[in-house]
Amino acid sequence: MKKISYLLVVTLLLIASCQPKPKTAPVDTTVAKVAVAALMDKYLTAFNAKDVITMTDLLTDGGLYCGTDASELMNKQTISEVWKQAFSDTSMNYNYSVDRREIRINPDGNSAIVLEQFTIAALCPKIPARLVSHVVKSGDTWMFDFLSYSFIPKNEDLGKLNKVLESTFKSL
């Protein structure tokens, strides 16, 4: 009985070790970066054109989308409504151009993190903004499943900002 058990264990190990290894196709990160950059350019063009339909079409249904305010944690429908409301004010010019863009492709080639820095003069001309996004690939299509806008003051300006805020709140 002992010999049969050893023979069975050796046979199972042999079978397990002879299984074909799954082949993973190497990811061409250059091609992926070009595709993600095209997505970002499409989003920027739509934003500057106030094209909420195109912007919304670039979002996944289950994504998380964050505005600059701490209370702005939104889903696809909510951020679409925020964009519609903001863009309905035709006196405001939210146009911007990207000063810096960094794209990091995940090794599997199916997702990426993108960072863009810019200034929107109509909102805050003295403090740059940052858009951090996570994009995912579904088939051949790249889409956003996470967006987070924030203002990014320089470290050396934080003391000045705090003083302005303190004096403003004291006078209220």
C-alpha atoms as a PDB file:
ATOM      1  CA  MET A   1       0.000   0.000   0.000  1.00  0.00           C
ATOM      2  CA  LYS A   2       2.875   2.334   0.856  1.00  0.00           C
ATOM      3  CA  LYS A   3       4.417   1.805  -2.605  1.00  0.00           C
ATOM      4  CA  ILE A   4       1.133   2.628  -4.322  1.00  0.00           C
ATOM      5  CA  SER A   5       0.849   5.873  -2.325  1.00  0.00           C
ATOM      6  CA  TYR A   6       4.389   6.916  -3.297  1.00  0.00           C
ATOM      7  CA  LEU A   7       3.731   5.962  -6.919  1.00  0.00           C
ATOM      8  CA  LEU A   8       0.516   8.010  -6.886  1.00  0.00           C
ATOM      9  CA  VAL A   9       2.293  11.075  -5.399  1.00  0.00           C
ATOM     10  CA  VAL A  10       5.139  10.835  -7.923  1.00  0.00           C
ATOM     11  CA  THR A  11       2.638  10.451 -10.782  1.00  0.00           C
ATOM     12  CA  LEU A  12       0.661  13.523  -9.636  1.00  0.00           C
ATOM     13  CA  LEU A  13       3.831  15.601  -9.305  1.00  0.00           C
ATOM     14  CA  LEU A  14       4.928  14.514 -12.767  1.00  0.00           C
ATOM     15  CA  ILE A  15       1.568  15.406 -14.278  1.00  0.00           C
ATOM     16  CA  ALA A  16       1.503  18.778 -12.500  1.00  0.00           C
ATOM     17  CA  SER A  17       5.020  19.661 -13.595  1.00  0.00           C
ATOM     18  CA  CYS A  18       4.320  18.759 -17.227  1.00  0.00           C
ATOM     19  CA  GLN A  19       1.406  21.189 -17.586  1.00  0.00           C
ATOM     20  CA  PRO A  20       2.025  23.887 -20.188  1.00  0.00           C
ATOM     21  CA  LYS A  21       2.965  27.232 -18.729  1.00  0.00           C
ATOM     22  CA  PRO A  22       0.575  30.028 -19.691  1.00  0.00           C
ATOM     23  CA  LYS A  23       2.260  32.351 -22.124  1.00  0.00           C
ATOM     24  CA  THR A  24       1.957  36.052 -21.478  1.00  0.00           C
ATOM     25  CA  ALA A  25       2.392  38.295 -24.424  1.00  0.00           C
ATOM     26  CA  PRO A  26       4.875  41.090 -23.755  1.00  0.00           C
ATOM     27  CA  VAL A  27       3.221  44.471 -23.416  1.00  0.00           C
ATOM     28  CA  ASP A  28       4.426  47.239 -25.680  1.00  0.00           C
ATOM     29  CA  THR A  29       4.333  50.125 -23.222  1.00  0.00           C
ATOM     30  CA  THR A  30       5.160  52.619 -25.967  1.00  0.00           C
ATOM     31  CA  VAL A  31       1.976  51.739 -27.850  1.00  0.00           C
ATOM     32  CA  ALA A  32      -0.023  51.822 -24.608  1.00  0.00           C
ATOM     33  CA  LYS A  33       1.403  55.240 -23.676  1.00  0.00           C
ATOM     34  CA  VAL A  34       0.443  56.634 -27.079  1.00  0.00           C
ATOM     35  CA  ALA A  35      -3.116  55.316 -26.663  1.00  0.00           C
ATOM     36  CA  VAL A  36      -3.421  56.728 -23.129  1.00  0.00           C
ATOM     37  CA  ALA A  37      -2.012  60.089 -24.276  1.00  0.00           C
ATOM     38  CA  ALA A  38      -4.659  60.116 -27.025  1.00  0.00           C
ATOM     39  CA  LEU A  39      -7.346  59.547 -24.380  1.00  0.00           C
ATOM     40  CA  MET A  40      -5.975  62.425 -22.305  1.00  0.00           C
ATOM     41  CA  ASP A  41      -5.848  64.700 -25.361  1.00  0.00           C
ATOM     42  CA  LYS A  42      -9.447  63.782 -26.226  1.00  0.00           C
ATOM     43  CA  TYR A  43     -10.522  64.596 -22.673  1.00  0.00           C
ATOM     44  CA  LEU A  44      -8.666  67.938 -22.729  1.00  0.00           C
ATOM     45  CA  THR A  45     -10.186  68.893 -26.082  1.00  0.00           C
ATOM     46  CA  ALA A  46     -13.679  67.993 -24.855  1.00  0.00           C
ATOM     47  CA  PHE A  47     -13.144  69.892 -21.577  1.00  0.00           C
ATOM     48  CA  ASN A  48     -11.990  73.025 -23.383  1.00  0.00           C
ATOM     49  CA  ALA A  49     -14.943  72.716 -25.792  1.00  0.00           C
ATOM     50  CA  LYS A  50     -17.333  72.190 -22.833  1.00  0.00           C
ATOM     51  CA  ASP A  51     -18.397  68.931 -24.501  1.00  0.00           C
ATOM     52  CA  VAL A  52     -19.935  67.110 -21.533  1.00  0.00           C
ATOM     53  CA  ILE A  53     -21.252  64.249 -23.684  1.00  0.00           C
ATOM     54  CA  THR A  54     -17.772  63.283 -24.900  1.00  0.00           C
ATOM     55  CA  MET A  55     -16.279  63.731 -21.437  1.00  0.00           C
ATOM     56  CA  THR A  56     -18.957  61.512 -19.880  1.00  0.00           C
ATOM     57  CA  ASP A  57     -18.510  58.859 -22.574  1.00  0.00           C
ATOM     58  CA  LEU A  58     -14.859  58.527 -21.486  1.00  0.00           C
ATOM     59  CA  LEU A  59     -15.881  57.459 -17.946  1.00  0.00           C
ATOM     60  CA  THR A  60     -16.630  53.948 -16.702  1.00  0.00           C
ATOM     61  CA  ASP A  61     -19.986  53.431 -15.015  1.00  0.00           C
ATOM     62  CA  GLY A  62     -18.532  52.276 -11.691  1.00  0.00           C
ATOM     63  CA  GLY A  63     -15.781  54.852 -11.409  1.00  0.00           C
ATOM     64  CA  LEU A  64     -14.942  57.349  -8.674  1.00  0.00           C
ATOM     65  CA  TYR A  65     -14.584  60.969  -9.705  1.00  0.00           C
ATOM     66  CA  CYS A  66     -13.306  63.612  -7.252  1.00  0.00           C
ATOM     67  CA  GLY A  67     -13.519  67.375  -7.527  1.00  0.00           C
ATOM     68  CA  THR A  68     -11.376  69.952  -5.771  1.00  0.00           C
ATOM     69  CA  ASP A  69     -13.752  70.245  -2.824  1.00  0.00           C
ATOM     70  CA  ALA A  70     -13.489  67.603  -0.082  1.00  0.00           C
ATOM     71  CA  SER A  71     -17.213  66.869  -0.448  1.00  0.00           C
ATOM     72  CA  GLU A  72     -16.966  66.143  -4.169  1.00  0.00           C
ATOM     73  CA  LEU A  73     -16.780  62.341  -4.349  1.00  0.00           C
ATOM     74  CA  MET A  74     -18.937  61.553  -7.349  1.00  0.00           C
ATOM     75  CA  ASN A  75     -20.130  58.834  -9.679  1.00  0.00           C
ATOM     76  CA  LYS A  76     -20.430  59.178 -13.450  1.00  0.00           C
ATOM     77  CA  GLN A  77     -23.890  60.734 -13.389  1.00  0.00           C
ATOM     78  CA  THR A  78     -23.067  63.230 -10.661  1.00  0.00           C
ATOM     79  CA  ILE A  79     -19.857  64.525 -12.219  1.00  0.00           C
ATOM     80  CA  SER A  80     -21.652  64.836 -15.555  1.00  0.00           C
ATOM     81  CA  GLU A  81     -24.261  67.063 -13.871  1.00  0.00           C
ATOM     82  CA  VAL A  82     -21.510  69.121 -12.197  1.00  0.00           C
ATOM     83  CA  TRP A  83     -19.835  69.643 -15.574  1.00  0.00           C
ATOM     84  CA  LYS A  84     -23.147  70.635 -17.203  1.00  0.00           C
ATOM     85  CA  GLN A  85     -23.825  73.176 -14.480  1.00  0.00           C
ATOM     86  CA  ALA A  86     -20.288  74.622 -14.548  1.00  0.00           C
ATOM     87  CA  PHE A  87     -20.201  74.877 -18.332  1.00  0.00           C
ATOM     88  CA  SER A  88     -23.660  76.475 -18.539  1.00  0.00           C
ATOM     89  CA  ASP A  89     -22.070  79.712 -17.303  1.00  0.00           C
ATOM     90  CA  THR A  90     -20.824  80.989 -20.644  1.00  0.00           C
ATOM     91  CA  SER A  91     -19.001  83.899 -18.985  1.00  0.00           C
ATOM     92  CA  MET A  92     -16.491  81.477 -17.416  1.00  0.00           C
ATOM     93  CA  ASN A  93     -13.540  80.268 -19.456  1.00  0.00           C
ATOM     94  CA  TYR A  94     -12.243  77.035 -17.933  1.00  0.00           C
ATOM     95  CA  ASN A  95      -9.821  76.322 -20.778  1.00  0.00           C
ATOM     96  CA  TYR A  96      -6.397  75.062 -19.868  1.00  0.00           C
ATOM     97  CA  SER A  97      -3.362  73.475 -21.455  1.00  0.00           C
ATOM     98  CA  VAL A  98      -1.261  70.805 -19.836  1.00  0.00           C
ATOM     99  CA  ASP A  99       2.081  71.945 -18.434  1.00  0.00           C
ATOM    100  CA  ARG A 100       3.218  68.468 -17.398  1.00  0.00           C
ATOM    101  CA  ARG A 101       1.978  64.951 -18.080  1.00  0.00           C
ATOM    102  CA  GLU A 102       3.279  61.692 -16.640  1.00  0.00           C
ATOM    103  CA  ILE A 103       1.931  58.300 -17.745  1.00  0.00           C
ATOM    104  CA  ARG A 104       2.730  55.079 -15.896  1.00  0.00           C
ATOM    105  CA  ILE A 105       1.520  51.922 -17.656  1.00  0.00           C
ATOM    106  CA  ASN A 106       0.792  48.895 -15.462  1.00  0.00           C
ATOM    107  CA  PRO A 107       2.982  45.904 -16.464  1.00  0.00           C
ATOM    108  CA  ASP A 108      -0.081  43.961 -17.669  1.00  0.00           C
ATOM    109  CA  GLY A 109      -0.812  46.760 -20.160  1.00  0.00           C
ATOM    110  CA  ASN A 110      -4.469  47.030 -19.112  1.00  0.00           C
ATOM    111  CA  SER A 111      -4.352  50.065 -16.843  1.00  0.00           C
ATOM    112  CA  ALA A 112      -2.343  53.200 -16.229  1.00  0.00           C
ATOM    113  CA  ILE A 113      -1.978  56.099 -13.843  1.00  0.00           C
ATOM    114  CA  VAL A 114      -1.811  59.531 -15.412  1.00  0.00           C
ATOM    115  CA  LEU A 115      -0.818  62.807 -13.790  1.00  0.00           C
ATOM    116  CA  GLU A 116      -1.388  66.166 -15.456  1.00  0.00           C
ATOM    117  CA  GLN A 117      -0.509  69.594 -14.070  1.00  0.00           C
ATOM    118  CA  PHE A 118      -1.950  72.870 -15.348  1.00  0.00           C
ATOM    119  CA  THR A 119      -3.443  76.188 -14.306  1.00  0.00           C
ATOM    120  CA  ILE A 120      -7.031  77.220 -14.913  1.00  0.00           C
ATOM    121  CA  ALA A 121      -6.859  81.006 -14.871  1.00  0.00           C
ATOM    122  CA  ALA A 122     -10.624  81.435 -14.380  1.00  0.00           C
ATOM    123  CA  LEU A 123     -10.587  79.386 -11.173  1.00  0.00           C
ATOM    124  CA  CYS A 124      -7.270  80.070  -9.514  1.00  0.00           C
ATOM    125  CA  PRO A 125      -4.574  81.776 -11.569  1.00  0.00           C
ATOM    126  CA  LYS A 126      -1.965  81.731  -8.782  1.00  0.00           C
ATOM    127  CA  ILE A 127      -2.229  78.054  -7.752  1.00  0.00           C
ATOM    128  CA  PRO A 128      -1.589  75.216 -10.202  1.00  0.00           C
ATOM    129  CA  ALA A 129      -3.984  72.297 -10.430  1.00  0.00           C
ATOM    130  CA  ARG A 130      -3.361  68.592 -10.780  1.00  0.00           C
ATOM    131  CA  LEU A 131      -5.495  65.888 -12.335  1.00  0.00           C
ATOM    132  CA  VAL A 132      -4.609  62.370 -11.239  1.00  0.00           C
ATOM    133  CA  SER A 133      -6.439  59.653 -13.105  1.00  0.00           C
ATOM    134  CA  HIS A 134      -6.540  55.909 -13.396  1.00  0.00           C
ATOM    135  CA  VAL A 135      -7.455  54.571 -16.798  1.00  0.00           C
ATOM    136  CA  VAL A 136      -8.401  51.033 -17.737  1.00  0.00           C
ATOM    137  CA  LYS A 137      -8.392  49.228 -21.039  1.00  0.00           C
ATOM    138  CA  SER A 138     -11.493  47.342 -22.100  1.00  0.00           C
ATOM    139  CA  GLY A 139     -10.862  45.635 -25.425  1.00  0.00           C
ATOM    140  CA  ASP A 140      -9.137  48.327 -27.450  1.00  0.00           C
ATOM    141  CA  THR A 141     -10.758  51.227 -25.573  1.00  0.00           C
ATOM    142  CA  TRP A 142      -9.172  53.188 -22.745  1.00  0.00           C
ATOM    143  CA  MET A 143     -11.523  54.812 -20.203  1.00  0.00           C
ATOM    144  CA  PHE A 144     -11.304  56.647 -16.894  1.00  0.00           C
ATOM    145  CA  ASP A 145     -12.363  54.805 -13.754  1.00  0.00           C
ATOM    146  CA  PHE A 146     -10.853  57.410 -11.426  1.00  0.00           C
ATOM    147  CA  LEU A 147     -10.327  61.185 -11.685  1.00  0.00           C
ATOM    148  CA  SER A 148      -9.114  63.456  -8.900  1.00  0.00           C
ATOM    149  CA  TYR A 149      -8.682  67.200  -9.327  1.00  0.00           C
ATOM    150  CA  SER A 150      -6.720  69.171  -6.743  1.00  0.00           C
ATOM    151  CA  PHE A 151      -4.982  72.473  -6.312  1.00  0.00           C
ATOM    152  CA  ILE A 152      -1.275  72.137  -5.594  1.00  0.00           C
ATOM    153  CA  PRO A 153       0.257  75.232  -4.036  1.00  0.00           C
ATOM    154  CA  LYS A 154       4.017  75.336  -3.779  1.00  0.00           C
ATOM    155  CA  ASN A 155       5.370  74.402  -0.360  1.00  0.00           C
ATOM    156  CA  GLU A 156       6.953  77.824   0.078  1.00  0.00           C
ATOM    157  CA  ASP A 157       3.506  79.423  -0.433  1.00  0.00           C
ATOM    158  CA  LEU A 158       1.698  77.422   2.277  1.00  0.00           C
ATOM    159  CA  GLY A 159       2.594  79.868   5.062  1.00  0.00           C
ATOM    160  CA  LYS A 160       1.302  82.790   3.001  1.00  0.00           C
ATOM    161  CA  LEU A 161      -1.923  80.948   2.219  1.00  0.00           C
ATOM    162  CA  ASN A 162      -2.465  80.096   5.873  1.00  0.00           C
ATOM    163  CA  LYS A 163      -1.983  83.740   6.878  1.00  0.00           C
ATOM    164  CA  VAL A 164      -4.480  84.905   4.260  1.00  0.00           C
ATOM    165  CA  LEU A 165      -6.991  82.298   5.380  1.00  0.00           C
ATOM    166  CA  GLU A 166      -6.529  83.188   9.063  1.00  0.00           C
ATOM    167  CA  SER A 167      -7.037  86.882   8.420  1.00  0.00           C
ATOM    168  CA  THR A 168     -10.057  86.168   6.220  1.00  0.00           C
ATOM    169  CA  PHE A 169     -11.734  83.954   8.807  1.00  0.00           C
ATOM    170  CA  LYS A 170     -11.027  86.436  11.627  1.00  0.00           C
ATOM    171  CA  SER A 171     -12.859  89.145   9.719  1.00  0.00           C
ATOM    172  CA  LEU A 172     -15.953  87.004   9.193  1.00  0.00           C
END
